[in-house]
Amino acid sequence: MKKISSFTINHDTLEKGLYVSRIDGDVITYDIRVKKPNGGDYLGNPAMHTIEHIFATFVRNSVHSDSVIYFGPMGCRTGFYLLMRDNVSKEAVIELVKSAFSFIAEFSGEIPGSGKEECGNYLEHNLEEAKREAKIMVQVLADWKVSDLAYKE
């Protein structure tokens, strides 16, 4: 089988951050790398699940909601993919991602969509762990700019 593009990125040199993974027509896939690949420290399922619920709800309620196609976790538990229409500038996407992590870092209350009738694994959430991971990403992305979106060699 042909190797998919995400498997062509050198995971030995990949660091935490926000990257353009691929562009397909008018859809840009952003790689939100929360953990260093193969670093021995991975997102716990409950934290990853909680980040997914809050982040997805946040971006789908933002001014860019009509341009959000998908947000979800990577199977390797090192980050997430955000798929956006290309009608949102890269600067605006950086700000959106930073705002989403800031929102998660300070979140309190009921996790969106976490009820039994709303979620297929409603018992597996951890808000405190999600907030801890989000706080780290707020620091990682603090000075992120468009030139940082390219994968490093």
N, C-alpha and C. Protein backbone atom coordinates (compact mmCIF):
# COMPACT_ATOMS: atom_id res chain seq x y z
N MET A 1 0.84 -1.18 0.00
CA MET A 1 0.00 0.00 0.00
C MET A 1 0.89 1.25 0.00
N LYS A 2 0.36 2.32 -0.56
CA LYS A 2 1.06 3.58 -0.58
C LYS A 2 1.09 4.15 0.84
N LYS A 3 2.24 4.67 1.25
CA LYS A 3 2.39 5.27 2.57
C LYS A 3 1.61 6.58 2.63
N ILE A 4 0.82 6.76 3.69
CA ILE A 4 0.06 8.01 3.83
C ILE A 4 0.99 9.11 4.32
N SER A 5 0.63 10.35 4.03
CA SER A 5 1.55 11.47 4.26
C SER A 5 1.95 11.64 5.73
N SER A 6 1.05 11.36 6.66
CA SER A 6 1.40 11.55 8.07
C SER A 6 2.49 10.58 8.53
N PHE A 7 2.68 9.49 7.80
CA PHE A 7 3.73 8.53 8.15
C PHE A 7 5.06 8.90 7.50
N THR A 8 5.08 9.95 6.69
CA THR A 8 6.33 10.38 6.06
C THR A 8 7.04 11.45 6.87
N ILE A 9 6.41 11.94 7.94
CA ILE A 9 7.00 12.96 8.81
C ILE A 9 7.96 12.25 9.77
N ASN A 10 9.16 12.81 9.91
CA ASN A 10 10.15 12.22 10.81
C ASN A 10 9.72 12.46 12.26
N HIS A 11 9.20 11.44 12.88
CA HIS A 11 8.71 11.55 14.25
C HIS A 11 9.85 11.63 15.27
N ASP A 12 11.08 11.33 14.85
CA ASP A 12 12.22 11.47 15.75
C ASP A 12 12.58 12.94 15.99
N THR A 13 12.24 13.80 15.04
CA THR A 13 12.57 15.22 15.17
C THR A 13 11.36 16.08 15.48
N LEU A 14 10.18 15.50 15.50
CA LEU A 14 8.94 16.24 15.72
C LEU A 14 8.82 16.67 17.18
N GLU A 15 8.51 17.93 17.38
CA GLU A 15 8.36 18.49 18.73
C GLU A 15 6.91 18.91 18.95
N LYS A 16 6.58 19.23 20.19
CA LYS A 16 5.26 19.77 20.52
C LYS A 16 5.04 21.03 19.70
N GLY A 17 3.80 21.24 19.26
CA GLY A 17 3.50 22.44 18.52
C GLY A 17 2.31 22.27 17.60
N LEU A 18 2.20 23.18 16.65
CA LEU A 18 1.10 23.21 15.69
C LEU A 18 1.69 23.27 14.29
N TYR A 19 1.27 22.34 13.43
CA TYR A 19 1.85 22.21 12.10
C TYR A 19 0.77 22.02 11.05
N VAL A 20 1.09 22.42 9.82
CA VAL A 20 0.23 22.07 8.69
C VAL A 20 0.66 20.68 8.26
N SER A 21 -0.25 19.73 8.40
CA SER A 21 0.05 18.35 8.04
C SER A 21 -0.13 18.12 6.55
N ARG A 22 -1.22 18.63 6.01
CA ARG A 22 -1.49 18.45 4.58
C ARG A 22 -2.56 19.42 4.12
N ILE A 23 -2.60 19.61 2.81
CA ILE A 23 -3.62 20.45 2.19
C ILE A 23 -4.26 19.63 1.08
N ASP A 24 -5.57 19.48 1.18
CA ASP A 24 -6.35 18.72 0.19
C ASP A 24 -7.43 19.64 -0.35
N GLY A 25 -7.18 20.23 -1.53
CA GLY A 25 -8.16 21.16 -2.07
C GLY A 25 -8.32 22.34 -1.14
N ASP A 26 -9.55 22.53 -0.64
CA ASP A 26 -9.80 23.65 0.27
C ASP A 26 -9.81 23.25 1.74
N VAL A 27 -9.22 22.09 2.05
CA VAL A 27 -9.16 21.62 3.43
C VAL A 27 -7.70 21.54 3.89
N ILE A 28 -7.42 22.16 5.02
CA ILE A 28 -6.09 22.10 5.62
C ILE A 28 -6.18 21.26 6.88
N THR A 29 -5.32 20.26 6.97
CA THR A 29 -5.22 19.43 8.16
C THR A 29 -4.09 19.97 9.02
N TYR A 30 -4.44 20.35 10.25
CA TYR A 30 -3.45 20.83 11.21
C TYR A 30 -3.12 19.71 12.19
N ASP A 31 -1.84 19.55 12.43
CA ASP A 31 -1.30 18.58 13.38
C ASP A 31 -1.05 19.35 14.67
N ILE A 32 -1.81 19.05 15.71
CA ILE A 32 -1.63 19.69 17.01
C ILE A 32 -0.89 18.67 17.88
N ARG A 33 0.41 18.84 18.00
CA ARG A 33 1.24 17.85 18.68
C ARG A 33 1.41 18.26 20.14
N VAL A 34 0.78 17.54 21.02
CA VAL A 34 0.75 17.83 22.45
C VAL A 34 1.90 17.11 23.18
N LYS A 35 2.35 16.02 22.64
CA LYS A 35 3.43 15.22 23.24
C LYS A 35 4.50 14.95 22.20
N LYS A 36 5.74 14.85 22.64
CA LYS A 36 6.82 14.49 21.73
C LYS A 36 6.65 13.02 21.36
N PRO A 37 6.60 12.72 20.06
CA PRO A 37 6.44 11.32 19.64
C PRO A 37 7.55 10.42 20.19
N ASN A 38 7.16 9.23 20.57
CA ASN A 38 8.06 8.20 21.07
C ASN A 38 8.88 8.67 22.27
N GLY A 39 8.32 9.63 23.02
CA GLY A 39 9.02 10.18 24.17
C GLY A 39 8.71 9.47 25.48
N GLY A 40 7.83 8.48 25.43
CA GLY A 40 7.48 7.74 26.63
C GLY A 40 6.40 8.39 27.48
N ASP A 41 5.99 9.58 27.11
CA ASP A 41 4.94 10.31 27.83
C ASP A 41 3.82 10.56 26.83
N TYR A 42 2.67 9.96 27.05
CA TYR A 42 1.57 10.06 26.10
C TYR A 42 0.33 10.58 26.80
N LEU A 43 -0.60 11.09 26.02
CA LEU A 43 -1.86 11.54 26.59
C LEU A 43 -2.62 10.35 27.16
N GLY A 44 -3.09 10.49 28.38
CA GLY A 44 -3.96 9.46 28.94
C GLY A 44 -5.30 9.53 28.25
N ASN A 45 -5.94 8.39 28.06
CA ASN A 45 -7.23 8.38 27.37
C ASN A 45 -8.26 9.31 28.00
N PRO A 46 -8.40 9.34 29.33
CA PRO A 46 -9.41 10.24 29.91
C PRO A 46 -9.13 11.72 29.61
N ALA A 47 -7.86 12.15 29.68
CA ALA A 47 -7.53 13.54 29.38
C ALA A 47 -7.74 13.84 27.90
N MET A 48 -7.30 12.93 27.05
CA MET A 48 -7.45 13.10 25.60
C MET A 48 -8.93 13.22 25.23
N HIS A 49 -9.75 12.38 25.83
CA HIS A 49 -11.19 12.37 25.58
C HIS A 49 -11.81 13.71 26.01
N THR A 50 -11.40 14.19 27.17
CA THR A 50 -11.94 15.45 27.68
C THR A 50 -11.51 16.62 26.81
N ILE A 51 -10.23 16.66 26.42
CA ILE A 51 -9.75 17.70 25.52
C ILE A 51 -10.56 17.67 24.23
N GLU A 52 -10.78 16.48 23.70
CA GLU A 52 -11.55 16.35 22.46
C GLU A 52 -12.93 16.99 22.61
N HIS A 53 -13.63 16.67 23.68
CA HIS A 53 -14.99 17.20 23.87
C HIS A 53 -15.00 18.72 23.99
N ILE A 54 -14.10 19.26 24.82
CA ILE A 54 -14.11 20.71 25.07
C ILE A 54 -13.58 21.47 23.86
N PHE A 55 -12.47 21.01 23.28
CA PHE A 55 -11.88 21.69 22.13
C PHE A 55 -12.86 21.70 20.96
N ALA A 56 -13.44 20.55 20.65
CA ALA A 56 -14.38 20.47 19.52
C ALA A 56 -15.58 21.38 19.75
N THR A 57 -16.09 21.42 20.95
CA THR A 57 -17.22 22.29 21.26
C THR A 57 -16.82 23.76 21.13
N PHE A 58 -15.64 24.09 21.63
CA PHE A 58 -15.15 25.47 21.56
C PHE A 58 -15.01 25.95 20.12
N VAL A 59 -14.32 25.17 19.28
CA VAL A 59 -14.09 25.64 17.91
C VAL A 59 -15.38 25.65 17.10
N ARG A 60 -16.30 24.75 17.41
CA ARG A 60 -17.57 24.73 16.68
C ARG A 60 -18.55 25.80 17.17
N ASN A 61 -18.14 26.54 18.20
CA ASN A 61 -18.91 27.68 18.68
C ASN A 61 -18.15 28.99 18.45
N SER A 62 -17.07 28.94 17.72
CA SER A 62 -16.26 30.12 17.46
C SER A 62 -16.77 30.84 16.20
N VAL A 63 -16.17 31.97 15.90
CA VAL A 63 -16.53 32.70 14.68
C VAL A 63 -16.18 31.90 13.43
N HIS A 64 -15.34 30.89 13.59
CA HIS A 64 -14.92 30.06 12.46
C HIS A 64 -15.67 28.74 12.38
N SER A 65 -16.77 28.63 13.10
CA SER A 65 -17.49 27.36 13.20
C SER A 65 -17.86 26.76 11.85
N ASP A 66 -18.23 27.59 10.90
CA ASP A 66 -18.62 27.07 9.58
C ASP A 66 -17.45 26.49 8.80
N SER A 67 -16.24 26.80 9.23
CA SER A 67 -15.04 26.31 8.54
C SER A 67 -14.39 25.12 9.23
N VAL A 68 -14.92 24.73 10.39
CA VAL A 68 -14.39 23.57 11.11
C VAL A 68 -14.99 22.31 10.50
N ILE A 69 -14.14 21.41 10.07
CA ILE A 69 -14.61 20.15 9.49
C ILE A 69 -14.53 19.02 10.51
N TYR A 70 -13.42 18.96 11.24
CA TYR A 70 -13.21 17.84 12.16
C TYR A 70 -12.15 18.21 13.17
N PHE A 71 -12.31 17.70 14.39
CA PHE A 71 -11.28 17.74 15.41
C PHE A 71 -11.30 16.40 16.12
N GLY A 72 -10.15 15.75 16.22
CA GLY A 72 -10.11 14.47 16.92
C GLY A 72 -8.70 14.02 17.23
N PRO A 73 -8.59 13.01 18.08
CA PRO A 73 -7.28 12.56 18.56
C PRO A 73 -6.54 11.66 17.57
N MET A 74 -5.23 11.65 17.73
CA MET A 74 -4.36 10.72 16.99
C MET A 74 -4.34 9.41 17.77
N GLY A 75 -4.31 8.32 17.06
CA GLY A 75 -4.26 7.01 17.71
C GLY A 75 -3.02 6.80 18.55
N CYS A 76 -1.93 7.49 18.23
CA CYS A 76 -0.68 7.33 18.98
C CYS A 76 -0.70 8.07 20.32
N ARG A 77 -1.76 8.85 20.54
CA ARG A 77 -1.98 9.59 21.78
C ARG A 77 -0.93 10.68 22.01
N THR A 78 -0.43 11.26 20.90
CA THR A 78 0.51 12.38 21.03
C THR A 78 -0.11 13.70 20.60
N GLY A 79 -1.34 13.68 20.13
CA GLY A 79 -1.94 14.93 19.71
C GLY A 79 -3.28 14.76 19.04
N PHE A 80 -3.62 15.77 18.24
CA PHE A 80 -4.94 15.85 17.61
C PHE A 80 -4.80 16.37 16.19
N TYR A 81 -5.81 16.11 15.39
CA TYR A 81 -5.92 16.71 14.07
C TYR A 81 -7.10 17.66 14.07
N LEU A 82 -6.87 18.83 13.47
CA LEU A 82 -7.92 19.83 13.26
C LEU A 82 -8.00 20.06 11.76
N LEU A 83 -9.15 19.78 11.17
CA LEU A 83 -9.36 20.01 9.75
C LEU A 83 -10.22 21.25 9.58
N MET A 84 -9.68 22.19 8.80
CA MET A 84 -10.34 23.48 8.58
C MET A 84 -10.40 23.79 7.09
N ARG A 85 -11.42 24.51 6.69
CA ARG A 85 -11.46 25.05 5.33
C ARG A 85 -10.34 26.09 5.21
N ASP A 86 -9.85 26.28 4.01
CA ASP A 86 -8.75 27.22 3.82
C ASP A 86 -9.18 28.68 3.76
N ASN A 87 -10.45 28.95 4.06
CA ASN A 87 -10.91 30.34 4.08
C ASN A 87 -10.61 31.03 5.42
N VAL A 88 -9.97 30.31 6.33
CA VAL A 88 -9.52 30.87 7.60
C VAL A 88 -8.01 31.01 7.50
N SER A 89 -7.50 32.21 7.76
CA SER A 89 -6.06 32.43 7.65
C SER A 89 -5.30 31.56 8.65
N LYS A 90 -4.08 31.28 8.33
CA LYS A 90 -3.24 30.50 9.24
C LYS A 90 -3.04 31.24 10.56
N GLU A 91 -2.93 32.57 10.50
CA GLU A 91 -2.82 33.36 11.73
C GLU A 91 -4.05 33.17 12.61
N ALA A 92 -5.22 33.16 11.97
CA ALA A 92 -6.46 32.98 12.73
C ALA A 92 -6.56 31.57 13.31
N VAL A 93 -6.08 30.58 12.60
CA VAL A 93 -6.09 29.20 13.13
C VAL A 93 -5.17 29.10 14.34
N ILE A 94 -4.00 29.71 14.25
CA ILE A 94 -3.09 29.70 15.41
C ILE A 94 -3.80 30.31 16.61
N GLU A 95 -4.44 31.45 16.43
CA GLU A 95 -5.16 32.11 17.53
C GLU A 95 -6.32 31.25 18.03
N LEU A 96 -7.02 30.60 17.13
CA LEU A 96 -8.13 29.73 17.52
C LEU A 96 -7.64 28.57 18.39
N VAL A 97 -6.56 27.93 17.98
CA VAL A 97 -6.00 26.81 18.74
C VAL A 97 -5.50 27.29 20.10
N LYS A 98 -4.80 28.41 20.12
CA LYS A 98 -4.32 28.97 21.39
C LYS A 98 -5.50 29.30 22.31
N SER A 99 -6.54 29.89 21.74
CA SER A 99 -7.73 30.24 22.54
C SER A 99 -8.43 28.99 23.07
N ALA A 100 -8.49 27.95 22.25
CA ALA A 100 -9.13 26.71 22.69
C ALA A 100 -8.37 26.10 23.87
N PHE A 101 -7.05 26.05 23.79
CA PHE A 101 -6.27 25.50 24.90
C PHE A 101 -6.37 26.40 26.14
N SER A 102 -6.41 27.70 25.96
CA SER A 102 -6.59 28.60 27.11
C SER A 102 -7.94 28.36 27.77
N PHE A 103 -8.97 28.17 26.94
CA PHE A 103 -10.31 27.89 27.44
C PHE A 103 -10.33 26.60 28.25
N ILE A 104 -9.69 25.55 27.71
CA ILE A 104 -9.64 24.26 28.41
C ILE A 104 -8.88 24.41 29.72
N ALA A 105 -7.76 25.13 29.70
CA ALA A 105 -6.92 25.29 30.90
C ALA A 105 -7.68 25.92 32.05
N GLU A 106 -8.67 26.75 31.74
CA GLU A 106 -9.45 27.45 32.78
C GLU A 106 -10.86 26.90 32.93
N PHE A 107 -11.18 25.84 32.23
CA PHE A 107 -12.55 25.33 32.19
C PHE A 107 -13.00 24.82 33.55
N SER A 108 -14.25 25.11 33.87
CA SER A 108 -14.89 24.52 35.05
C SER A 108 -16.32 24.21 34.67
N GLY A 109 -16.88 23.26 35.36
CA GLY A 109 -18.26 22.88 35.07
C GLY A 109 -18.34 21.54 34.39
N GLU A 110 -19.50 21.31 33.80
CA GLU A 110 -19.75 20.02 33.15
C GLU A 110 -19.08 19.96 31.78
N ILE A 111 -18.39 18.89 31.52
CA ILE A 111 -17.73 18.67 30.24
C ILE A 111 -18.82 18.54 29.17
N PRO A 112 -18.72 19.33 28.10
CA PRO A 112 -19.76 19.26 27.06
C PRO A 112 -19.89 17.85 26.47
N GLY A 113 -21.11 17.41 26.30
CA GLY A 113 -21.37 16.12 25.68
C GLY A 113 -20.91 14.92 26.47
N SER A 114 -20.81 15.06 27.78
CA SER A 114 -20.26 13.97 28.59
C SER A 114 -21.32 13.13 29.30
N GLY A 115 -22.57 13.36 28.99
CA GLY A 115 -23.63 12.55 29.58
C GLY A 115 -23.71 11.18 28.92
N LYS A 116 -24.29 10.25 29.62
CA LYS A 116 -24.41 8.87 29.12
C LYS A 116 -25.12 8.81 27.77
N GLU A 117 -26.15 9.62 27.60
CA GLU A 117 -26.91 9.60 26.36
C GLU A 117 -26.20 10.35 25.23
N GLU A 118 -25.11 11.08 25.56
CA GLU A 118 -24.39 11.89 24.56
C GLU A 118 -23.06 11.30 24.13
N CYS A 119 -22.50 10.41 24.93
CA CYS A 119 -21.12 9.96 24.73
C CYS A 119 -21.02 8.44 24.88
N GLY A 120 -20.31 7.84 23.97
CA GLY A 120 -20.17 6.38 23.98
C GLY A 120 -19.22 5.84 25.03
N ASN A 121 -18.49 6.71 25.73
CA ASN A 121 -17.60 6.28 26.81
C ASN A 121 -17.60 7.37 27.87
N TYR A 122 -18.79 7.70 28.35
CA TYR A 122 -19.01 8.86 29.20
C TYR A 122 -18.28 8.80 30.54
N LEU A 123 -17.88 7.62 30.99
CA LEU A 123 -17.19 7.51 32.27
C LEU A 123 -15.69 7.80 32.16
N GLU A 124 -15.16 7.85 30.95
CA GLU A 124 -13.72 8.03 30.79
C GLU A 124 -13.37 9.48 30.43
N HIS A 125 -13.42 10.34 31.43
CA HIS A 125 -13.03 11.74 31.30
C HIS A 125 -12.18 12.12 32.50
N ASN A 126 -11.27 13.07 32.30
CA ASN A 126 -10.49 13.59 33.41
C ASN A 126 -10.21 15.07 33.14
N LEU A 127 -11.02 15.93 33.73
CA LEU A 127 -10.90 17.36 33.49
C LEU A 127 -9.60 17.93 34.04
N GLU A 128 -9.20 17.53 35.21
CA GLU A 128 -7.97 18.08 35.79
C GLU A 128 -6.75 17.74 34.94
N GLU A 129 -6.67 16.52 34.46
CA GLU A 129 -5.57 16.12 33.60
C GLU A 129 -5.63 16.89 32.27
N ALA A 130 -6.82 17.07 31.72
CA ALA A 130 -6.98 17.83 30.48
C ALA A 130 -6.53 19.27 30.68
N LYS A 131 -6.88 19.87 31.80
CA LYS A 131 -6.48 21.24 32.09
C LYS A 131 -4.96 21.34 32.21
N ARG A 132 -4.35 20.35 32.81
CA ARG A 132 -2.88 20.35 32.96
C ARG A 132 -2.21 20.31 31.59
N GLU A 133 -2.69 19.42 30.72
CA GLU A 133 -2.13 19.31 29.37
C GLU A 133 -2.36 20.60 28.57
N ALA A 134 -3.54 21.20 28.73
CA ALA A 134 -3.86 22.43 28.01
C ALA A 134 -2.96 23.58 28.46
N LYS A 135 -2.66 23.66 29.74
CA LYS A 135 -1.77 24.71 30.26
C LYS A 135 -0.39 24.60 29.63
N ILE A 136 0.09 23.39 29.45
CA ILE A 136 1.39 23.18 28.82
C ILE A 136 1.34 23.68 27.37
N MET A 137 0.24 23.36 26.66
CA MET A 137 0.13 23.79 25.27
C MET A 137 -0.02 25.30 25.13
N VAL A 138 -0.62 25.94 26.10
CA VAL A 138 -0.70 27.41 26.08
C VAL A 138 0.72 27.98 26.07
N GLN A 139 1.60 27.40 26.87
CA GLN A 139 3.00 27.86 26.91
C GLN A 139 3.73 27.52 25.61
N VAL A 140 3.54 26.30 25.11
CA VAL A 140 4.21 25.88 23.88
C VAL A 140 3.86 26.81 22.73
N LEU A 141 2.59 27.18 22.62
CA LEU A 141 2.11 27.97 21.48
C LEU A 141 2.14 29.49 21.71
N ALA A 142 2.64 29.93 22.84
CA ALA A 142 2.57 31.35 23.20
C ALA A 142 3.10 32.27 22.11
N ASP A 143 4.21 31.95 21.51
CA ASP A 143 4.82 32.81 20.49
C ASP A 143 4.78 32.17 19.11
N TRP A 144 3.88 31.21 18.90
CA TRP A 144 3.80 30.48 17.62
C TRP A 144 3.40 31.44 16.51
N LYS A 145 4.03 31.30 15.37
CA LYS A 145 3.70 32.13 14.22
C LYS A 145 3.59 31.27 12.97
N VAL A 146 3.13 31.84 11.88
CA VAL A 146 2.89 31.09 10.65
C VAL A 146 4.15 30.35 10.20
N SER A 147 5.30 30.95 10.34
CA SER A 147 6.54 30.27 9.91
C SER A 147 6.83 29.02 10.74
N ASP A 148 6.24 28.91 11.92
CA ASP A 148 6.43 27.72 12.77
C ASP A 148 5.52 26.56 12.36
N LEU A 149 4.58 26.81 11.46
CA LEU A 149 3.63 25.76 11.05
C LEU A 149 4.26 24.69 10.18
N ALA A 150 5.43 24.94 9.63
CA ALA A 150 6.09 23.95 8.76
C ALA A 150 6.84 22.95 9.63
N TYR A 151 6.73 21.67 9.27
CA TYR A 151 7.51 20.65 9.97
C TYR A 151 8.99 20.95 9.81
N LYS A 152 9.76 20.73 10.88
CA LYS A 152 11.21 20.90 10.84
C LYS A 152 11.85 19.63 10.30
N GLU A 153 12.91 19.79 9.59
CA GLU A 153 13.64 18.62 9.04
C GLU A 153 14.51 17.99 10.09
